[in-house]
Amino acid sequence: MFAVTATKIDADDPLSGLTLGERPEPEAPDGWTTVTVKAAALNHHDLWSLRGVGLPADRLPMILGCDASGVDEDGNEVIVHSVIGDPDRGGGDETLDPKRSLLSEAHPGTFAEKVAVPRRNLVPKPAELSFEEAACLPTAWLTAYRMLFGKAGLEPGGSVLVQGAGGGVASAAIALASAAGFRVYATSRSEDKRRRALELGADAALETGARLPERVDAVIETVGQATWSHSLKSLRPGGRVVVSGATSGQVPPAELNRVFFLQLQVIGSTMGTRGQLERLARFLVKTGVRPAVDRVIPLRDARDGFAAMAAGDLFGKIVFTP
């Protein structure tokens, strides 16, 4: 089968480790099944894997990709939950399993014509969602859903700042927060991305670092070092910054005096559970919200998608179709 594979780790030139070509079809051990992939979405995780983050060289070659929608062995349309973990080891939450991984870290990923996954990782795809839309959900959209509704402590009428409008998690958070009735502020250095954030439902879109009209209840933070100080300064006393990424750097000044004096909360968040993915899909059906798809590319041209992500030339999700 055709697949997109990491064959070399290079932190400085990650695309040099990308190989497109034939790979053996997956084998499904007991409790697993195979899915014929109809669409698969690109994430920063895939680019970081090529840099060796979470994917050591001794696991190569590795088929990349966390997200997919497709058809299972019984002909059912499904969404693949990409967290490979045991809910029992995580106290009912597979993302807290100390041994958990994502597809493409320890097991071959979704950038292929077929992928093997545990049976419990399949979520029914609502007919109202296209395969391309559904493929966007398991990583970026699920992460945003959990940050907003599971971690941020927001109540109806609350306010939230989303840093770095344009990224997959950020654009998902804007759309979801708006649909839930929150006041939404978004930031970006790009005028075009600020305009598109408004189209997704942001109440205001500002330059990165700009003063907000009010101090917010929560901040959705995926940028890290470049926006961290602004995130803390934008919170009301007692507010929460929820962190799921640090694409600009992971070691910003902590500003502990601000944290303790204003009793701010810093909360980490990673992915979401299978149950949350199922509820997310139902939420989209109910509200009519749909993922922002930047472009759909044939899997054979996946290198173009990786290059666009590396350059920051996207708004929303890049989707591959085998």
C-alpha atoms as a PDB file:
ATOM      1  CA  MET A   1       0.000   0.000   0.000  1.00  0.00           C
ATOM      2  CA  PHE A   2       1.076   3.619  -0.510  1.00  0.00           C
ATOM      3  CA  ALA A   3       2.175   5.431   2.657  1.00  0.00           C
ATOM      4  CA  VAL A   4       4.049   8.482   3.960  1.00  0.00           C
ATOM      5  CA  THR A   5       6.910   7.330   6.167  1.00  0.00           C
ATOM      6  CA  ALA A   6       9.573   8.843   8.385  1.00  0.00           C
ATOM      7  CA  THR A   7      12.855   7.174   7.424  1.00  0.00           C
ATOM      8  CA  LYS A   8      15.358   9.647   8.926  1.00  0.00           C
ATOM      9  CA  ILE A   9      15.454  12.078  11.839  1.00  0.00           C
ATOM     10  CA  ASP A  10      16.781  15.567  11.120  1.00  0.00           C
ATOM     11  CA  ALA A  11      15.984  18.386  13.538  1.00  0.00           C
ATOM     12  CA  ASP A  12      17.198  21.081  11.122  1.00  0.00           C
ATOM     13  CA  ASP A  13      15.764  19.705   7.877  1.00  0.00           C
ATOM     14  CA  PRO A  14      12.797  17.546   8.892  1.00  0.00           C
ATOM     15  CA  LEU A  15      11.405  17.092   5.383  1.00  0.00           C
ATOM     16  CA  SER A  16      14.599  15.321   4.339  1.00  0.00           C
ATOM     17  CA  GLY A  17      13.417  12.331   6.371  1.00  0.00           C
ATOM     18  CA  LEU A  18      10.106  12.048   4.546  1.00  0.00           C
ATOM     19  CA  THR A  19       9.694   9.054   2.206  1.00  0.00           C
ATOM     20  CA  LEU A  20       6.658   8.432   0.004  1.00  0.00           C
ATOM     21  CA  GLY A  21       6.137   4.966  -1.417  1.00  0.00           C
ATOM     22  CA  GLU A  22       4.975   1.403  -0.879  1.00  0.00           C
ATOM     23  CA  ARG A  23       4.808  -0.176   2.576  1.00  0.00           C
ATOM     24  CA  PRO A  24       3.414  -3.538   3.786  1.00  0.00           C
ATOM     25  CA  GLU A  25      -0.272  -3.550   4.709  1.00  0.00           C
ATOM     26  CA  PRO A  26      -0.904  -3.491   8.484  1.00  0.00           C
ATOM     27  CA  GLU A  27      -1.556  -6.596  10.519  1.00  0.00           C
ATOM     28  CA  ALA A  28      -4.188  -6.406  13.262  1.00  0.00           C
ATOM     29  CA  PRO A  29      -3.342  -8.268  16.496  1.00  0.00           C
ATOM     30  CA  ASP A  30      -6.056  -9.558  18.848  1.00  0.00           C
ATOM     31  CA  GLY A  31      -8.425  -6.756  19.814  1.00  0.00           C
ATOM     32  CA  TRP A  32      -7.367  -4.617  16.861  1.00  0.00           C
ATOM     33  CA  THR A  33      -8.904  -4.077  13.439  1.00  0.00           C
ATOM     34  CA  THR A  34      -8.019  -2.331  10.190  1.00  0.00           C
ATOM     35  CA  VAL A  35      -9.571   0.784   8.694  1.00  0.00           C
ATOM     36  CA  THR A  36      -9.479   1.759   5.034  1.00  0.00           C
ATOM     37  CA  VAL A  37      -8.453   5.409   5.220  1.00  0.00           C
ATOM     38  CA  LYS A  38     -10.605   7.913   3.321  1.00  0.00           C
ATOM     39  CA  ALA A  39      -9.016  11.083   4.720  1.00  0.00           C
ATOM     40  CA  ALA A  40      -6.155  11.907   7.098  1.00  0.00           C
ATOM     41  CA  ALA A  41      -5.242  15.286   8.601  1.00  0.00           C
ATOM     42  CA  LEU A  42      -1.773  16.734   9.116  1.00  0.00           C
ATOM     43  CA  ASN A  43      -0.667  17.971  12.556  1.00  0.00           C
ATOM     44  CA  HIS A  44       2.408  19.681  13.967  1.00  0.00           C
ATOM     45  CA  HIS A  45       2.997  16.366  15.716  1.00  0.00           C
ATOM     46  CA  ASP A  46       3.940  14.877  12.327  1.00  0.00           C
ATOM     47  CA  LEU A  47       6.520  17.585  11.703  1.00  0.00           C
ATOM     48  CA  TRP A  48       7.962  17.210  15.209  1.00  0.00           C
ATOM     49  CA  SER A  49       8.218  13.446  14.663  1.00  0.00           C
ATOM     50  CA  LEU A  50      10.544  14.102  11.723  1.00  0.00           C
ATOM     51  CA  ARG A  51      12.658  16.180  14.108  1.00  0.00           C
ATOM     52  CA  GLY A  52      12.880  13.256  16.516  1.00  0.00           C
ATOM     53  CA  VAL A  53      10.456  14.526  19.157  1.00  0.00           C
ATOM     54  CA  GLY A  54       8.537  11.512  20.432  1.00  0.00           C
ATOM     55  CA  LEU A  55       9.920   9.333  17.648  1.00  0.00           C
ATOM     56  CA  PRO A  56      13.432   7.969  18.287  1.00  0.00           C
ATOM     57  CA  ALA A  57      15.526   6.763  15.376  1.00  0.00           C
ATOM     58  CA  ASP A  58      15.346   3.138  16.518  1.00  0.00           C
ATOM     59  CA  ARG A  59      11.622   3.057  15.636  1.00  0.00           C
ATOM     60  CA  LEU A  60      12.186   3.999  12.016  1.00  0.00           C
ATOM     61  CA  PRO A  61      10.791   3.519   9.463  1.00  0.00           C
ATOM     62  CA  MET A  62       7.464   4.741  10.867  1.00  0.00           C
ATOM     63  CA  ILE A  63       4.311   5.592   8.936  1.00  0.00           C
ATOM     64  CA  LEU A  64       3.297   9.090  10.066  1.00  0.00           C
ATOM     65  CA  GLY A  65      -0.149  10.477  10.837  1.00  0.00           C
ATOM     66  CA  CYS A  66      -2.425  10.574  13.894  1.00  0.00           C
ATOM     67  CA  ASP A  67      -5.794  11.518  12.395  1.00  0.00           C
ATOM     68  CA  ALA A  68      -8.040   9.562  10.068  1.00  0.00           C
ATOM     69  CA  SER A  69     -11.574   8.798   9.056  1.00  0.00           C
ATOM     70  CA  GLY A  70     -12.526   5.832   6.928  1.00  0.00           C
ATOM     71  CA  VAL A  71     -14.394   2.564   6.675  1.00  0.00           C
ATOM     72  CA  ASP A  72     -13.914  -0.382   9.037  1.00  0.00           C
ATOM     73  CA  GLU A  73     -13.882  -4.063   8.125  1.00  0.00           C
ATOM     74  CA  ASP A  74     -17.681  -4.242   8.498  1.00  0.00           C
ATOM     75  CA  GLY A  75     -18.305  -1.319   6.159  1.00  0.00           C
ATOM     76  CA  ASN A  76     -19.059   1.235   8.900  1.00  0.00           C
ATOM     77  CA  GLU A  77     -17.927   4.845   8.476  1.00  0.00           C
ATOM     78  CA  VAL A  78     -15.689   5.666  11.437  1.00  0.00           C
ATOM     79  CA  ILE A  79     -13.376   8.231  13.020  1.00  0.00           C
ATOM     80  CA  VAL A  80     -10.109   6.912  14.448  1.00  0.00           C
ATOM     81  CA  HIS A  81      -9.265   7.939  18.004  1.00  0.00           C
ATOM     82  CA  SER A  82      -5.490   8.164  17.894  1.00  0.00           C
ATOM     83  CA  VAL A  83      -4.632   7.745  21.601  1.00  0.00           C
ATOM     84  CA  ILE A  84      -3.353   4.207  22.147  1.00  0.00           C
ATOM     85  CA  GLY A  85      -3.785   3.669  25.865  1.00  0.00           C
ATOM     86  CA  ASP A  86      -5.572   1.754  28.592  1.00  0.00           C
ATOM     87  CA  PRO A  87      -8.310   3.700  30.415  1.00  0.00           C
ATOM     88  CA  ASP A  88      -7.905   1.434  33.451  1.00  0.00           C
ATOM     89  CA  ARG A  89      -4.228   2.377  33.810  1.00  0.00           C
ATOM     90  CA  GLY A  90      -5.250   6.043  33.574  1.00  0.00           C
ATOM     91  CA  GLY A  91      -7.983   5.920  36.187  1.00  0.00           C
ATOM     92  CA  GLY A  92     -10.683   5.934  33.521  1.00  0.00           C
ATOM     93  CA  ASP A  93      -8.841   8.314  31.185  1.00  0.00           C
ATOM     94  CA  GLU A  94      -6.579   6.786  28.533  1.00  0.00           C
ATOM     95  CA  THR A  95      -4.694  10.077  28.115  1.00  0.00           C
ATOM     96  CA  LEU A  96      -3.424   9.647  31.715  1.00  0.00           C
ATOM     97  CA  ASP A  97      -2.134   6.129  31.083  1.00  0.00           C
ATOM     98  CA  PRO A  98       1.638   6.404  31.756  1.00  0.00           C
ATOM     99  CA  LYS A  99       2.249   4.042  28.833  1.00  0.00           C
ATOM    100  CA  ARG A 100      -0.038   5.760  26.335  1.00  0.00           C
ATOM    101  CA  SER A 101       1.141   6.849  22.914  1.00  0.00           C
ATOM    102  CA  LEU A 102      -0.305   8.287  19.745  1.00  0.00           C
ATOM    103  CA  LEU A 103      -0.522   6.548  16.426  1.00  0.00           C
ATOM    104  CA  SER A 104       2.794   7.042  14.573  1.00  0.00           C
ATOM    105  CA  GLU A 105       4.817   7.002  17.813  1.00  0.00           C
ATOM    106  CA  ALA A 106       4.897   3.284  18.651  1.00  0.00           C
ATOM    107  CA  HIS A 107       2.423   1.993  16.058  1.00  0.00           C
ATOM    108  CA  PRO A 108       2.183   2.849  12.323  1.00  0.00           C
ATOM    109  CA  GLY A 109       0.071   5.914  11.626  1.00  0.00           C
ATOM    110  CA  THR A 110      -2.713   7.037   9.345  1.00  0.00           C
ATOM    111  CA  PHE A 111      -0.888   8.462   6.297  1.00  0.00           C
ATOM    112  CA  ALA A 112      -1.527   5.280   4.376  1.00  0.00           C
ATOM    113  CA  GLU A 113      -4.264   3.463   2.535  1.00  0.00           C
ATOM    114  CA  LYS A 114      -4.951   1.345   5.632  1.00  0.00           C
ATOM    115  CA  VAL A 115      -4.248   1.636   9.360  1.00  0.00           C
ATOM    116  CA  ALA A 116      -4.533  -0.860  12.227  1.00  0.00           C
ATOM    117  CA  VAL A 117      -6.079   0.353  15.501  1.00  0.00           C
ATOM    118  CA  PRO A 118      -7.642  -1.095  18.653  1.00  0.00           C
ATOM    119  CA  ARG A 119     -11.345  -1.785  18.110  1.00  0.00           C
ATOM    120  CA  ARG A 120     -12.277   0.489  21.011  1.00  0.00           C
ATOM    121  CA  ASN A 121     -10.600   3.395  19.200  1.00  0.00           C
ATOM    122  CA  LEU A 122     -13.294   3.537  16.512  1.00  0.00           C
ATOM    123  CA  VAL A 123     -15.975   6.217  16.846  1.00  0.00           C
ATOM    124  CA  PRO A 124     -19.010   6.223  14.534  1.00  0.00           C
ATOM    125  CA  LYS A 125     -18.737   8.994  11.946  1.00  0.00           C
ATOM    126  CA  PRO A 126     -21.955  11.020  11.750  1.00  0.00           C
ATOM    127  CA  ALA A 127     -23.384  11.056   8.231  1.00  0.00           C
ATOM    128  CA  GLU A 128     -23.558  14.845   8.426  1.00  0.00           C
ATOM    129  CA  LEU A 129     -19.737  15.112   8.477  1.00  0.00           C
ATOM    130  CA  SER A 130     -17.659  14.496   5.366  1.00  0.00           C
ATOM    131  CA  PHE A 131     -14.633  12.215   5.628  1.00  0.00           C
ATOM    132  CA  GLU A 132     -12.382  15.278   5.248  1.00  0.00           C
ATOM    133  CA  GLU A 133     -14.153  17.128   8.083  1.00  0.00           C
ATOM    134  CA  ALA A 134     -14.166  14.073  10.334  1.00  0.00           C
ATOM    135  CA  ALA A 135     -10.443  13.494   9.793  1.00  0.00           C
ATOM    136  CA  CYS A 136      -9.710  16.888  11.369  1.00  0.00           C
ATOM    137  CA  LEU A 137     -11.234  15.962  14.729  1.00  0.00           C
ATOM    138  CA  PRO A 138      -9.053  13.401  16.574  1.00  0.00           C
ATOM    139  CA  THR A 139      -6.056  15.617  17.381  1.00  0.00           C
ATOM    140  CA  ALA A 140      -6.524  19.380  16.909  1.00  0.00           C
ATOM    141  CA  TRP A 141     -10.273  19.582  17.409  1.00  0.00           C
ATOM    142  CA  LEU A 142     -10.355  17.060  20.246  1.00  0.00           C
ATOM    143  CA  THR A 143      -7.512  18.917  21.952  1.00  0.00           C
ATOM    144  CA  ALA A 144      -9.390  22.229  21.652  1.00  0.00           C
ATOM    145  CA  TYR A 145     -12.636  20.628  22.848  1.00  0.00           C
ATOM    146  CA  ARG A 146     -11.014  19.264  25.988  1.00  0.00           C
ATOM    147  CA  MET A 147      -9.142  22.502  26.692  1.00  0.00           C
ATOM    148  CA  LEU A 148     -12.323  24.559  26.487  1.00  0.00           C
ATOM    149  CA  PHE A 149     -14.896  22.273  28.049  1.00  0.00           C
ATOM    150  CA  GLY A 150     -12.804  20.012  30.267  1.00  0.00           C
ATOM    151  CA  LYS A 151      -9.962  22.193  31.536  1.00  0.00           C
ATOM    152  CA  ALA A 152     -10.696  25.923  31.234  1.00  0.00           C
ATOM    153  CA  GLY A 153     -13.552  26.016  33.753  1.00  0.00           C
ATOM    154  CA  LEU A 154     -15.552  28.340  31.540  1.00  0.00           C
ATOM    155  CA  GLU A 155     -19.229  28.993  32.204  1.00  0.00           C
ATOM    156  CA  PRO A 156     -21.861  30.338  29.772  1.00  0.00           C
ATOM    157  CA  GLY A 157     -21.105  33.988  29.054  1.00  0.00           C
ATOM    158  CA  GLY A 158     -17.430  33.557  29.896  1.00  0.00           C
ATOM    159  CA  SER A 159     -14.487  35.009  27.986  1.00  0.00           C
ATOM    160  CA  VAL A 160     -11.477  33.373  26.385  1.00  0.00           C
ATOM    161  CA  LEU A 161      -8.329  34.412  24.525  1.00  0.00           C
ATOM    162  CA  VAL A 162      -7.021  32.095  21.799  1.00  0.00           C
ATOM    163  CA  GLN A 163      -3.377  32.732  20.971  1.00  0.00           C
ATOM    164  CA  GLY A 164      -2.008  32.154  17.477  1.00  0.00           C
ATOM    165  CA  ALA A 165      -5.133  32.094  15.319  1.00  0.00           C
ATOM    166  CA  GLY A 166      -4.483  29.978  12.246  1.00  0.00           C
ATOM    167  CA  GLY A 167      -3.089  26.853  13.848  1.00  0.00           C
ATOM    168  CA  GLY A 168      -5.238  23.726  13.926  1.00  0.00           C
ATOM    169  CA  VAL A 169      -5.979  23.787  17.669  1.00  0.00           C
ATOM    170  CA  ALA A 170      -6.401  27.567  17.722  1.00  0.00           C
ATOM    171  CA  SER A 171      -8.846  27.730  14.807  1.00  0.00           C
ATOM    172  CA  ALA A 172     -10.820  24.845  16.338  1.00  0.00           C
ATOM    173  CA  ALA A 173     -10.928  26.607  19.703  1.00  0.00           C
ATOM    174  CA  ILE A 174     -12.244  29.823  18.141  1.00  0.00           C
ATOM    175  CA  ALA A 175     -15.056  28.010  16.351  1.00  0.00           C
ATOM    176  CA  LEU A 176     -15.997  25.826  19.330  1.00  0.00           C
ATOM    177  CA  ALA A 177     -15.869  28.687  21.846  1.00  0.00           C
ATOM    178  CA  SER A 178     -18.023  30.884  19.646  1.00  0.00           C
ATOM    179  CA  ALA A 179     -20.580  28.105  19.168  1.00  0.00           C
ATOM    180  CA  ALA A 180     -20.714  27.653  22.958  1.00  0.00           C
ATOM    181  CA  GLY A 181     -21.533  31.329  23.471  1.00  0.00           C
ATOM    182  CA  PHE A 182     -18.234  32.538  24.956  1.00  0.00           C
ATOM    183  CA  ARG A 183     -16.745  35.949  24.194  1.00  0.00           C
ATOM    184  CA  VAL A 184     -13.756  35.068  22.038  1.00  0.00           C
ATOM    185  CA  TYR A 185     -10.593  37.092  21.422  1.00  0.00           C
ATOM    186  CA  ALA A 186      -7.929  35.840  19.025  1.00  0.00           C
ATOM    187  CA  THR A 187      -4.421  37.013  18.186  1.00  0.00           C
ATOM    188  CA  SER A 188      -2.164  36.652  15.172  1.00  0.00           C
ATOM    189  CA  ARG A 189       0.698  38.525  13.542  1.00  0.00           C
ATOM    190  CA  SER A 190      -1.058  38.017  10.183  1.00  0.00           C
ATOM    191  CA  GLU A 191      -3.803  40.395   9.081  1.00  0.00           C
ATOM    192  CA  ASP A 192      -5.296  37.666   6.900  1.00  0.00           C
ATOM    193  CA  LYS A 193      -5.421  35.192   9.796  1.00  0.00           C
ATOM    194  CA  ARG A 194      -7.049  37.810  12.018  1.00  0.00           C
ATOM    195  CA  ARG A 195      -9.712  38.342   9.355  1.00  0.00           C
ATOM    196  CA  ARG A 196     -10.338  34.626   9.115  1.00  0.00           C
ATOM    197  CA  ALA A 197     -10.537  34.340  12.905  1.00  0.00           C
ATOM    198  CA  LEU A 198     -13.406  36.823  12.797  1.00  0.00           C
ATOM    199  CA  GLU A 199     -15.088  34.667  10.164  1.00  0.00           C
ATOM    200  CA  LEU A 200     -14.808  31.683  12.517  1.00  0.00           C
ATOM    201  CA  GLY A 201     -16.669  33.592  15.210  1.00  0.00           C
ATOM    202  CA  ALA A 202     -14.094  35.588  17.180  1.00  0.00           C
ATOM    203  CA  ASP A 203     -15.555  38.757  18.688  1.00  0.00           C
ATOM    204  CA  ALA A 204     -12.264  40.557  18.121  1.00  0.00           C
ATOM    205  CA  ALA A 205      -8.967  39.647  16.473  1.00  0.00           C
ATOM    206  CA  LEU A 206      -5.883  41.573  17.507  1.00  0.00           C
ATOM    207  CA  GLU A 207      -2.176  41.807  16.814  1.00  0.00           C
ATOM    208  CA  THR A 208      -0.095  39.416  18.875  1.00  0.00           C
ATOM    209  CA  GLY A 209       0.611  41.063  22.241  1.00  0.00           C
ATOM    210  CA  ALA A 210      -2.106  43.718  21.925  1.00  0.00           C
ATOM    211  CA  ARG A 211      -4.108  44.806  24.966  1.00  0.00           C
ATOM    212  CA  LEU A 212      -7.504  43.112  25.111  1.00  0.00           C
ATOM    213  CA  PRO A 213     -10.783  44.973  25.736  1.00  0.00           C
ATOM    214  CA  GLU A 214     -11.082  43.053  29.023  1.00  0.00           C
ATOM    215  CA  ARG A 215      -9.181  40.546  31.140  1.00  0.00           C
ATOM    216  CA  VAL A 216     -10.409  37.076  30.237  1.00  0.00           C
ATOM    217  CA  ASP A 217     -11.418  34.023  32.228  1.00  0.00           C
ATOM    218  CA  ALA A 218      -9.148  31.664  30.303  1.00  0.00           C
ATOM    219  CA  VAL A 219      -6.428  31.551  27.664  1.00  0.00           C
ATOM    220  CA  ILE A 220      -5.965  28.770  25.122  1.00  0.00           C
ATOM    221  CA  GLU A 221      -2.189  28.593  24.733  1.00  0.00           C
ATOM    222  CA  THR A 222      -0.431  26.544  22.043  1.00  0.00           C
ATOM    223  CA  VAL A 223       2.271  29.013  20.978  1.00  0.00           C
ATOM    224  CA  GLY A 224       4.383  29.008  24.138  1.00  0.00           C
ATOM    225  CA  GLN A 225       7.377  31.239  24.606  1.00  0.00           C
ATOM    226  CA  ALA A 226       6.391  34.018  22.181  1.00  0.00           C
ATOM    227  CA  THR A 227       2.954  34.618  23.743  1.00  0.00           C
ATOM    228  CA  TRP A 228       3.339  33.385  27.325  1.00  0.00           C
ATOM    229  CA  SER A 229       3.798  36.763  29.019  1.00  0.00           C
ATOM    230  CA  HIS A 230       0.828  38.200  27.115  1.00  0.00           C
ATOM    231  CA  SER A 231      -1.295  35.215  28.117  1.00  0.00           C
ATOM    232  CA  LEU A 232      -0.613  35.767  31.810  1.00  0.00           C
ATOM    233  CA  LYS A 233      -1.183  39.526  31.567  1.00  0.00           C
ATOM    234  CA  SER A 234      -4.511  38.951  29.782  1.00  0.00           C
ATOM    235  CA  LEU A 235      -6.059  36.867  32.585  1.00  0.00           C
ATOM    236  CA  ARG A 236      -8.370  38.149  35.280  1.00  0.00           C
ATOM    237  CA  PRO A 237      -7.376  37.314  38.860  1.00  0.00           C
ATOM    238  CA  GLY A 238      -8.017  33.617  39.375  1.00  0.00           C
ATOM    239  CA  GLY A 239      -8.052  32.938  35.626  1.00  0.00           C
ATOM    240  CA  ARG A 240      -6.660  29.884  33.877  1.00  0.00           C
ATOM    241  CA  VAL A 241      -4.167  29.430  31.081  1.00  0.00           C
ATOM    242  CA  VAL A 242      -4.579  26.011  29.461  1.00  0.00           C
ATOM    243  CA  VAL A 243      -1.476  24.783  27.624  1.00  0.00           C
ATOM    244  CA  SER A 244      -1.356  22.072  24.983  1.00  0.00           C
ATOM    245  CA  GLY A 245       1.654  23.127  22.939  1.00  0.00           C
ATOM    246  CA  ALA A 246       4.702  25.345  22.684  1.00  0.00           C
ATOM    247  CA  THR A 247       5.487  25.734  19.001  1.00  0.00           C
ATOM    248  CA  SER A 248       7.597  28.878  19.564  1.00  0.00           C
ATOM    249  CA  GLY A 249       9.600  27.513  22.488  1.00  0.00           C
ATOM    250  CA  GLN A 250       9.072  25.740  25.798  1.00  0.00           C
ATOM    251  CA  VAL A 251      11.052  27.852  28.275  1.00  0.00           C
ATOM    252  CA  PRO A 252       9.408  31.283  28.674  1.00  0.00           C
ATOM    253  CA  PRO A 253       9.999  33.332  31.849  1.00  0.00           C
ATOM    254  CA  ALA A 254       7.605  31.799  34.393  1.00  0.00           C
ATOM    255  CA  GLU A 255       6.594  35.161  35.936  1.00  0.00           C
ATOM    256  CA  LEU A 256       5.807  33.360  39.181  1.00  0.00           C
ATOM    257  CA  ASN A 257       5.116  36.636  40.993  1.00  0.00           C
ATOM    258  CA  ARG A 258       2.181  37.269  38.648  1.00  0.00           C
ATOM    259  CA  VAL A 259       0.995  33.666  38.978  1.00  0.00           C
ATOM    260  CA  PHE A 260       0.859  33.622  42.769  1.00  0.00           C
ATOM    261  CA  PHE A 261      -0.189  37.233  43.369  1.00  0.00           C
ATOM    262  CA  LEU A 262      -3.170  36.976  40.982  1.00  0.00           C
ATOM    263  CA  GLN A 263      -3.794  33.318  41.908  1.00  0.00           C
ATOM    264  CA  LEU A 264      -3.587  32.249  38.274  1.00  0.00           C
ATOM    265  CA  GLN A 265      -3.837  28.598  37.300  1.00  0.00           C
ATOM    266  CA  VAL A 266      -1.583  26.956  34.704  1.00  0.00           C
ATOM    267  CA  ILE A 267      -3.151  23.742  33.416  1.00  0.00           C
ATOM    268  CA  GLY A 268      -1.694  21.244  30.978  1.00  0.00           C
ATOM    269  CA  SER A 269      -3.886  19.411  28.491  1.00  0.00           C
ATOM    270  CA  THR A 270      -3.138  16.667  25.975  1.00  0.00           C
ATOM    271  CA  MET A 271      -5.567  15.222  23.443  1.00  0.00           C
ATOM    272  CA  GLY A 272      -8.854  13.826  24.819  1.00  0.00           C
ATOM    273  CA  THR A 273     -10.690  10.605  25.530  1.00  0.00           C
ATOM    274  CA  ARG A 274     -12.642   8.447  23.109  1.00  0.00           C
ATOM    275  CA  GLY A 275     -15.842   9.588  24.831  1.00  0.00           C
ATOM    276  CA  GLN A 276     -14.916  13.237  24.319  1.00  0.00           C
ATOM    277  CA  LEU A 277     -14.246  12.572  20.627  1.00  0.00           C
ATOM    278  CA  GLU A 278     -17.715  11.058  20.284  1.00  0.00           C
ATOM    279  CA  ARG A 279     -19.295  14.052  22.058  1.00  0.00           C
ATOM    280  CA  LEU A 280     -17.289  16.463  19.888  1.00  0.00           C
ATOM    281  CA  ALA A 281     -18.687  14.866  16.730  1.00  0.00           C
ATOM    282  CA  ARG A 282     -22.226  15.175  18.107  1.00  0.00           C
ATOM    283  CA  PHE A 283     -21.567  18.809  19.072  1.00  0.00           C
ATOM    284  CA  LEU A 284     -20.607  19.638  15.484  1.00  0.00           C
ATOM    285  CA  VAL A 285     -23.735  17.969  14.145  1.00  0.00           C
ATOM    286  CA  LYS A 286     -25.916  19.853  16.637  1.00  0.00           C
ATOM    287  CA  THR A 287     -24.343  23.293  16.134  1.00  0.00           C
ATOM    288  CA  GLY A 288     -23.451  23.140  12.444  1.00  0.00           C
ATOM    289  CA  VAL A 289     -19.832  24.065  13.199  1.00  0.00           C
ATOM    290  CA  ARG A 290     -17.353  22.519  10.789  1.00  0.00           C
ATOM    291  CA  PRO A 291     -13.541  22.368  10.761  1.00  0.00           C
ATOM    292  CA  ALA A 292     -11.717  24.985   8.744  1.00  0.00           C
ATOM    293  CA  VAL A 293      -9.963  22.990   6.017  1.00  0.00           C
ATOM    294  CA  ASP A 294      -7.078  24.929   4.509  1.00  0.00           C
ATOM    295  CA  ARG A 295      -6.597  22.511   1.604  1.00  0.00           C
ATOM    296  CA  VAL A 296      -7.160  18.895   0.552  1.00  0.00           C
ATOM    297  CA  ILE A 297      -4.138  17.218  -1.061  1.00  0.00           C
ATOM    298  CA  PRO A 298      -3.687  13.747  -2.571  1.00  0.00           C
ATOM    299  CA  LEU A 299      -1.574  11.611  -0.232  1.00  0.00           C
ATOM    300  CA  ARG A 300       0.986  11.196  -3.024  1.00  0.00           C
ATOM    301  CA  ASP A 301       1.615  14.963  -2.797  1.00  0.00           C
ATOM    302  CA  ALA A 302       1.927  14.959   1.014  1.00  0.00           C
ATOM    303  CA  ARG A 303       5.348  16.626   0.873  1.00  0.00           C
ATOM    304  CA  ASP A 304       3.601  19.841  -0.266  1.00  0.00           C
ATOM    305  CA  GLY A 305       1.428  19.775   2.843  1.00  0.00           C
ATOM    306  CA  PHE A 306       4.392  19.232   5.155  1.00  0.00           C
ATOM    307  CA  ALA A 307       6.227  22.128   3.493  1.00  0.00           C
ATOM    308  CA  ALA A 308       3.227  24.434   3.951  1.00  0.00           C
ATOM    309  CA  MET A 309       2.997  23.562   7.637  1.00  0.00           C
ATOM    310  CA  ALA A 310       6.734  24.059   8.148  1.00  0.00           C
ATOM    311  CA  ALA A 311       6.418  27.521   6.580  1.00  0.00           C
ATOM    312  CA  GLY A 312       3.296  28.423   8.571  1.00  0.00           C
ATOM    313  CA  ASP A 313       1.424  28.836   5.298  1.00  0.00           C
ATOM    314  CA  LEU A 314      -1.974  27.561   6.417  1.00  0.00           C
ATOM    315  CA  PHE A 315      -5.163  28.433   8.279  1.00  0.00           C
ATOM    316  CA  GLY A 316      -6.965  25.446   9.704  1.00  0.00           C
ATOM    317  CA  LYS A 317      -6.256  21.887   8.658  1.00  0.00           C
ATOM    318  CA  ILE A 318      -4.389  20.279   5.764  1.00  0.00           C
ATOM    319  CA  VAL A 319      -6.091  17.011   4.774  1.00  0.00           C
ATOM    320  CA  PHE A 320      -4.646  14.163   2.723  1.00  0.00           C
ATOM    321  CA  THR A 321      -6.801  11.761   0.691  1.00  0.00           C
ATOM    322  CA  PRO A 322      -5.311   8.387  -0.326  1.00  0.00           C
END
